[in-house]
Amino acid sequence: MGKINLSEKLSKFSDHWSPKVIAEMNDYQFKLVKIQGEFVWHNHDDTDEVFIVIEGQMFIEFDEETVELNQGEMYVVPKGVQHRPYAKTECKVMLVEPRGVVNTGENSGELTASNDVWI
């Protein structure tokens, strides 16, 4: 596998809340996603979830607090913790998570993205 240019990969799609796989390491996938607006409340019972902001600003809402993330910052949501990401304007994010993780956890609906979509 050769080097991966994040900007070039991000230029290949425009849809929001639909993670795209750019690489794998062991059983983990590196995904890029563009987010804007509110996502659904959800959790992941079996895995932590990491958000790495590449460009823009996002928020992760929890029951008792909201975490603000800006370009160059990251946050790990522990497994089982209910959360809701959102962004007021478009934000570009990298996710690192085990292969097969459903983006909406157990709360499937219109924002549930197809898994294993590579760009």
N, C-alpha and C. Protein backbone atom coordinates (compact mmCIF):
# COMPACT_ATOMS: atom_id res chain seq x y z
N MET A 1 0.84 -1.18 0.00
CA MET A 1 0.00 0.00 0.00
C MET A 1 0.88 1.23 0.00
N GLY A 2 0.51 2.21 -0.82
CA GLY A 2 1.25 3.45 -0.88
C GLY A 2 0.72 4.48 0.09
N LYS A 3 1.29 5.66 0.02
CA LYS A 3 0.85 6.72 0.92
C LYS A 3 -0.56 7.17 0.55
N ILE A 4 -1.24 7.73 1.53
CA ILE A 4 -2.63 8.17 1.35
C ILE A 4 -2.68 9.67 1.63
N ASN A 5 -3.24 10.42 0.71
CA ASN A 5 -3.40 11.85 0.86
C ASN A 5 -4.83 12.11 1.32
N LEU A 6 -4.98 12.60 2.56
CA LEU A 6 -6.30 12.80 3.13
C LEU A 6 -7.12 13.84 2.36
N SER A 7 -6.50 14.92 1.94
CA SER A 7 -7.22 15.95 1.18
C SER A 7 -7.74 15.39 -0.14
N GLU A 8 -6.93 14.62 -0.81
CA GLU A 8 -7.34 14.03 -2.08
C GLU A 8 -8.51 13.07 -1.87
N LYS A 9 -8.45 12.26 -0.85
CA LYS A 9 -9.55 11.32 -0.54
C LYS A 9 -10.82 12.08 -0.18
N LEU A 10 -10.70 13.14 0.62
CA LEU A 10 -11.88 13.92 1.02
C LEU A 10 -12.53 14.62 -0.17
N SER A 11 -11.76 14.92 -1.21
CA SER A 11 -12.31 15.59 -2.39
C SER A 11 -13.16 14.66 -3.25
N LYS A 12 -13.12 13.36 -2.97
CA LYS A 12 -13.83 12.38 -3.79
C LYS A 12 -15.29 12.16 -3.39
N PHE A 13 -15.74 12.80 -2.30
CA PHE A 13 -17.15 12.63 -1.92
C PHE A 13 -17.66 13.90 -1.24
N SER A 14 -18.97 14.04 -1.23
CA SER A 14 -19.57 15.24 -0.64
C SER A 14 -20.69 14.92 0.35
N ASP A 15 -21.12 13.67 0.42
CA ASP A 15 -22.23 13.33 1.31
C ASP A 15 -21.80 13.39 2.77
N HIS A 16 -22.77 13.64 3.64
CA HIS A 16 -22.51 13.76 5.07
C HIS A 16 -22.94 12.49 5.79
N TRP A 17 -22.25 12.20 6.89
CA TRP A 17 -22.56 11.08 7.79
C TRP A 17 -22.44 9.72 7.11
N SER A 18 -21.56 9.63 6.12
CA SER A 18 -21.38 8.37 5.40
C SER A 18 -19.88 8.05 5.32
N PRO A 19 -19.32 7.41 6.36
CA PRO A 19 -17.89 7.15 6.42
C PRO A 19 -17.36 6.32 5.24
N LYS A 20 -16.18 6.70 4.78
CA LYS A 20 -15.50 6.00 3.68
C LYS A 20 -14.17 5.44 4.19
N VAL A 21 -13.92 4.19 3.91
CA VAL A 21 -12.69 3.52 4.35
C VAL A 21 -11.54 3.93 3.44
N ILE A 22 -10.41 4.29 4.08
CA ILE A 22 -9.22 4.64 3.29
C ILE A 22 -8.04 3.69 3.56
N ALA A 23 -8.12 2.92 4.66
CA ALA A 23 -7.02 1.99 4.97
C ALA A 23 -7.48 1.04 6.07
N GLU A 24 -6.75 -0.07 6.18
CA GLU A 24 -6.96 -1.02 7.27
C GLU A 24 -5.64 -1.35 7.94
N MET A 25 -5.72 -1.59 9.23
CA MET A 25 -4.56 -2.02 10.00
C MET A 25 -5.06 -3.10 10.95
N ASN A 26 -4.59 -4.30 10.79
CA ASN A 26 -5.10 -5.44 11.55
C ASN A 26 -6.61 -5.50 11.34
N ASP A 27 -7.41 -5.47 12.37
CA ASP A 27 -8.87 -5.51 12.22
C ASP A 27 -9.50 -4.13 12.31
N TYR A 28 -8.69 -3.07 12.23
CA TYR A 28 -9.21 -1.71 12.34
C TYR A 28 -9.25 -1.03 10.98
N GLN A 29 -10.26 -0.17 10.81
CA GLN A 29 -10.38 0.61 9.60
C GLN A 29 -10.20 2.09 9.92
N PHE A 30 -9.54 2.78 9.01
CA PHE A 30 -9.41 4.24 9.06
C PHE A 30 -10.45 4.77 8.08
N LYS A 31 -11.34 5.64 8.58
CA LYS A 31 -12.44 6.13 7.75
C LYS A 31 -12.44 7.65 7.76
N LEU A 32 -12.80 8.22 6.62
CA LEU A 32 -13.02 9.66 6.53
C LEU A 32 -14.52 9.90 6.41
N VAL A 33 -14.98 10.96 7.05
CA VAL A 33 -16.40 11.31 7.00
C VAL A 33 -16.53 12.82 7.05
N LYS A 34 -17.50 13.32 6.33
CA LYS A 34 -17.87 14.73 6.42
C LYS A 34 -19.16 14.79 7.22
N ILE A 35 -19.18 15.67 8.21
CA ILE A 35 -20.38 15.77 9.04
C ILE A 35 -20.90 17.20 9.02
N GLN A 36 -22.21 17.31 9.12
CA GLN A 36 -22.85 18.60 9.23
C GLN A 36 -24.25 18.37 9.76
N GLY A 37 -24.68 19.22 10.69
CA GLY A 37 -25.97 19.04 11.33
C GLY A 37 -25.87 18.06 12.48
N GLU A 38 -27.00 17.52 12.88
CA GLU A 38 -27.05 16.62 14.04
C GLU A 38 -27.11 15.17 13.61
N PHE A 39 -26.43 14.32 14.35
CA PHE A 39 -26.49 12.88 14.15
C PHE A 39 -27.49 12.32 15.16
N VAL A 40 -27.61 11.02 15.24
CA VAL A 40 -28.54 10.39 16.18
C VAL A 40 -27.80 10.03 17.48
N TRP A 41 -28.54 10.01 18.59
CA TRP A 41 -27.99 9.49 19.84
C TRP A 41 -27.74 8.00 19.64
N HIS A 42 -26.57 7.55 20.05
CA HIS A 42 -26.24 6.13 19.90
C HIS A 42 -25.06 5.78 20.80
N ASN A 43 -24.76 4.50 20.87
CA ASN A 43 -23.55 4.02 21.53
C ASN A 43 -23.06 2.78 20.81
N HIS A 44 -21.85 2.38 21.15
CA HIS A 44 -21.26 1.16 20.59
C HIS A 44 -20.90 0.28 21.79
N ASP A 45 -21.66 -0.79 21.97
CA ASP A 45 -21.49 -1.65 23.14
C ASP A 45 -20.13 -2.34 23.21
N ASP A 46 -19.53 -2.61 22.04
CA ASP A 46 -18.33 -3.45 22.02
C ASP A 46 -17.03 -2.75 21.69
N THR A 47 -17.06 -1.45 21.45
CA THR A 47 -15.83 -0.78 21.06
C THR A 47 -15.84 0.71 21.42
N ASP A 48 -14.66 1.24 21.70
CA ASP A 48 -14.49 2.68 21.81
C ASP A 48 -14.61 3.26 20.41
N GLU A 49 -14.79 4.58 20.33
CA GLU A 49 -14.86 5.26 19.04
C GLU A 49 -14.01 6.52 19.12
N VAL A 50 -13.14 6.71 18.12
CA VAL A 50 -12.27 7.89 18.14
C VAL A 50 -12.65 8.83 17.00
N PHE A 51 -12.70 10.12 17.32
CA PHE A 51 -12.96 11.18 16.36
C PHE A 51 -11.70 12.04 16.28
N ILE A 52 -11.13 12.21 15.08
CA ILE A 52 -9.97 13.06 14.85
C ILE A 52 -10.39 14.12 13.85
N VAL A 53 -10.40 15.39 14.28
CA VAL A 53 -10.86 16.47 13.41
C VAL A 53 -9.71 16.89 12.49
N ILE A 54 -9.96 16.75 11.20
CA ILE A 54 -8.98 17.14 10.18
C ILE A 54 -9.18 18.60 9.81
N GLU A 55 -10.44 19.00 9.67
CA GLU A 55 -10.75 20.38 9.30
C GLU A 55 -12.12 20.75 9.85
N GLY A 56 -12.22 21.91 10.46
CA GLY A 56 -13.51 22.39 10.96
C GLY A 56 -13.65 22.23 12.46
N GLN A 57 -14.90 22.20 12.88
CA GLN A 57 -15.23 22.11 14.31
C GLN A 57 -16.44 21.20 14.46
N MET A 58 -16.39 20.35 15.47
CA MET A 58 -17.51 19.48 15.77
C MET A 58 -17.73 19.43 17.27
N PHE A 59 -18.84 18.87 17.66
CA PHE A 59 -19.19 18.71 19.06
C PHE A 59 -19.66 17.28 19.29
N ILE A 60 -19.39 16.76 20.47
CA ILE A 60 -19.93 15.46 20.86
C ILE A 60 -20.72 15.70 22.14
N GLU A 61 -22.00 15.47 22.04
CA GLU A 61 -22.90 15.70 23.16
C GLU A 61 -23.06 14.41 23.96
N PHE A 62 -22.96 14.54 25.27
CA PHE A 62 -23.19 13.44 26.20
C PHE A 62 -24.34 13.83 27.12
N ASP A 63 -24.77 12.92 27.97
CA ASP A 63 -25.89 13.22 28.87
C ASP A 63 -25.64 14.47 29.71
N GLU A 64 -24.40 14.66 30.19
CA GLU A 64 -24.15 15.74 31.12
C GLU A 64 -23.11 16.77 30.67
N GLU A 65 -22.58 16.61 29.47
CA GLU A 65 -21.61 17.59 28.96
C GLU A 65 -21.54 17.52 27.45
N THR A 66 -20.94 18.54 26.87
CA THR A 66 -20.67 18.57 25.44
C THR A 66 -19.19 18.89 25.25
N VAL A 67 -18.52 18.10 24.42
CA VAL A 67 -17.10 18.29 24.13
C VAL A 67 -16.97 18.97 22.77
N GLU A 68 -16.19 20.05 22.72
CA GLU A 68 -15.91 20.75 21.47
C GLU A 68 -14.57 20.27 20.94
N LEU A 69 -14.53 19.93 19.65
CA LEU A 69 -13.30 19.51 19.00
C LEU A 69 -13.02 20.40 17.80
N ASN A 70 -11.79 20.87 17.70
CA ASN A 70 -11.36 21.71 16.60
C ASN A 70 -10.27 21.00 15.81
N GLN A 71 -9.90 21.59 14.67
CA GLN A 71 -8.88 21.00 13.80
C GLN A 71 -7.66 20.58 14.61
N GLY A 72 -7.22 19.34 14.37
CA GLY A 72 -6.03 18.83 15.05
C GLY A 72 -6.30 18.21 16.40
N GLU A 73 -7.57 18.16 16.82
CA GLU A 73 -7.91 17.57 18.12
C GLU A 73 -8.64 16.25 17.92
N MET A 74 -8.56 15.42 18.96
CA MET A 74 -9.24 14.12 18.90
C MET A 74 -9.88 13.82 20.24
N TYR A 75 -10.83 12.88 20.20
CA TYR A 75 -11.52 12.47 21.42
C TYR A 75 -11.90 11.00 21.27
N VAL A 76 -11.73 10.25 22.35
CA VAL A 76 -12.12 8.84 22.37
C VAL A 76 -13.38 8.70 23.22
N VAL A 77 -14.45 8.24 22.59
CA VAL A 77 -15.69 7.95 23.30
C VAL A 77 -15.61 6.51 23.79
N PRO A 78 -15.67 6.28 25.10
CA PRO A 78 -15.57 4.91 25.62
C PRO A 78 -16.75 4.05 25.17
N LYS A 79 -16.49 2.76 25.02
CA LYS A 79 -17.56 1.85 24.59
C LYS A 79 -18.73 1.92 25.57
N GLY A 80 -19.93 1.81 25.01
CA GLY A 80 -21.14 1.81 25.81
C GLY A 80 -21.66 3.17 26.21
N VAL A 81 -20.93 4.25 25.93
CA VAL A 81 -21.35 5.59 26.34
C VAL A 81 -22.25 6.21 25.26
N GLN A 82 -23.42 6.62 25.67
CA GLN A 82 -24.38 7.27 24.78
C GLN A 82 -23.85 8.64 24.38
N HIS A 83 -23.87 8.94 23.07
CA HIS A 83 -23.35 10.21 22.58
C HIS A 83 -24.04 10.61 21.28
N ARG A 84 -23.87 11.87 20.94
CA ARG A 84 -24.43 12.40 19.70
C ARG A 84 -23.49 13.44 19.12
N PRO A 85 -22.81 13.11 18.02
CA PRO A 85 -21.95 14.10 17.37
C PRO A 85 -22.79 15.07 16.53
N TYR A 86 -22.29 16.29 16.40
CA TYR A 86 -22.91 17.25 15.49
C TYR A 86 -21.91 18.31 15.09
N ALA A 87 -22.22 18.99 14.01
CA ALA A 87 -21.38 20.09 13.53
C ALA A 87 -22.28 21.17 12.96
N LYS A 88 -22.01 22.41 13.34
CA LYS A 88 -22.82 23.53 12.86
C LYS A 88 -22.55 23.81 11.39
N THR A 89 -21.30 23.64 10.97
CA THR A 89 -20.92 23.75 9.55
C THR A 89 -20.13 22.49 9.22
N GLU A 90 -19.88 22.28 7.95
CA GLU A 90 -19.22 21.03 7.54
C GLU A 90 -17.88 20.85 8.26
N CYS A 91 -17.67 19.65 8.74
CA CYS A 91 -16.45 19.28 9.44
C CYS A 91 -15.93 17.97 8.84
N LYS A 92 -14.63 17.88 8.66
CA LYS A 92 -14.00 16.70 8.07
C LYS A 92 -13.28 15.94 9.19
N VAL A 93 -13.61 14.65 9.31
CA VAL A 93 -13.20 13.86 10.46
C VAL A 93 -12.63 12.52 10.02
N MET A 94 -11.64 12.03 10.77
CA MET A 94 -11.17 10.66 10.60
C MET A 94 -11.66 9.84 11.79
N LEU A 95 -12.19 8.66 11.49
CA LEU A 95 -12.60 7.70 12.50
C LEU A 95 -11.67 6.51 12.43
N VAL A 96 -11.37 5.92 13.56
CA VAL A 96 -10.60 4.69 13.60
C VAL A 96 -11.42 3.72 14.45
N GLU A 97 -11.84 2.62 13.83
CA GLU A 97 -12.71 1.69 14.54
C GLU A 97 -12.59 0.29 13.94
N PRO A 98 -12.99 -0.72 14.70
CA PRO A 98 -12.91 -2.09 14.17
C PRO A 98 -13.77 -2.26 12.93
N ARG A 99 -13.32 -3.12 12.04
CA ARG A 99 -14.08 -3.44 10.84
C ARG A 99 -15.48 -3.91 11.24
N GLY A 100 -16.49 -3.42 10.53
CA GLY A 100 -17.86 -3.87 10.76
C GLY A 100 -18.68 -3.04 11.71
N VAL A 101 -18.09 -2.01 12.33
CA VAL A 101 -18.85 -1.17 13.26
C VAL A 101 -19.91 -0.38 12.48
N VAL A 102 -21.14 -0.41 12.98
CA VAL A 102 -22.24 0.34 12.37
C VAL A 102 -22.23 1.75 12.95
N ASN A 103 -22.26 2.75 12.09
CA ASN A 103 -22.10 4.14 12.54
C ASN A 103 -23.18 4.60 13.51
N THR A 104 -24.38 4.03 13.45
CA THR A 104 -25.46 4.43 14.34
C THR A 104 -25.64 3.47 15.51
N GLY A 105 -24.69 2.58 15.73
CA GLY A 105 -24.82 1.61 16.81
C GLY A 105 -26.05 0.75 16.61
N GLU A 106 -26.86 0.60 17.65
CA GLU A 106 -28.08 -0.19 17.57
C GLU A 106 -29.27 0.61 17.05
N ASN A 107 -29.08 1.93 16.85
CA ASN A 107 -30.18 2.81 16.43
C ASN A 107 -30.20 2.98 14.92
N SER A 108 -30.49 1.91 14.19
CA SER A 108 -30.47 2.01 12.74
C SER A 108 -31.63 2.88 12.25
N GLY A 109 -31.36 3.58 11.15
CA GLY A 109 -32.35 4.48 10.58
C GLY A 109 -31.79 5.11 9.31
N GLU A 110 -32.32 6.27 8.95
CA GLU A 110 -31.93 6.89 7.69
C GLU A 110 -30.46 7.33 7.65
N LEU A 111 -29.83 7.53 8.81
CA LEU A 111 -28.41 7.93 8.83
C LEU A 111 -27.46 6.73 8.96
N THR A 112 -28.00 5.52 8.98
CA THR A 112 -27.14 4.34 9.04
C THR A 112 -26.45 4.19 7.69
N ALA A 113 -25.12 4.21 7.72
CA ALA A 113 -24.34 4.15 6.48
C ALA A 113 -23.98 2.71 6.13
N SER A 114 -23.78 2.49 4.85
CA SER A 114 -23.28 1.19 4.40
C SER A 114 -21.87 1.00 4.93
N ASN A 115 -21.56 -0.23 5.29
CA ASN A 115 -20.23 -0.54 5.81
C ASN A 115 -19.29 -0.91 4.68
N ASP A 116 -18.00 -0.73 4.95
CA ASP A 116 -16.95 -1.19 4.07
C ASP A 116 -16.96 -0.52 2.69
N VAL A 117 -17.32 0.77 2.65
CA VAL A 117 -17.28 1.54 1.40
C VAL A 117 -15.91 2.20 1.31
N TRP A 118 -15.14 1.80 0.31
CA TRP A 118 -13.77 2.30 0.15
C TRP A 118 -13.72 3.44 -0.88
N ILE A 119 -12.81 4.40 -0.64
CA ILE A 119 -12.52 5.42 -1.65
C ILE A 119 -11.03 5.42 -1.90
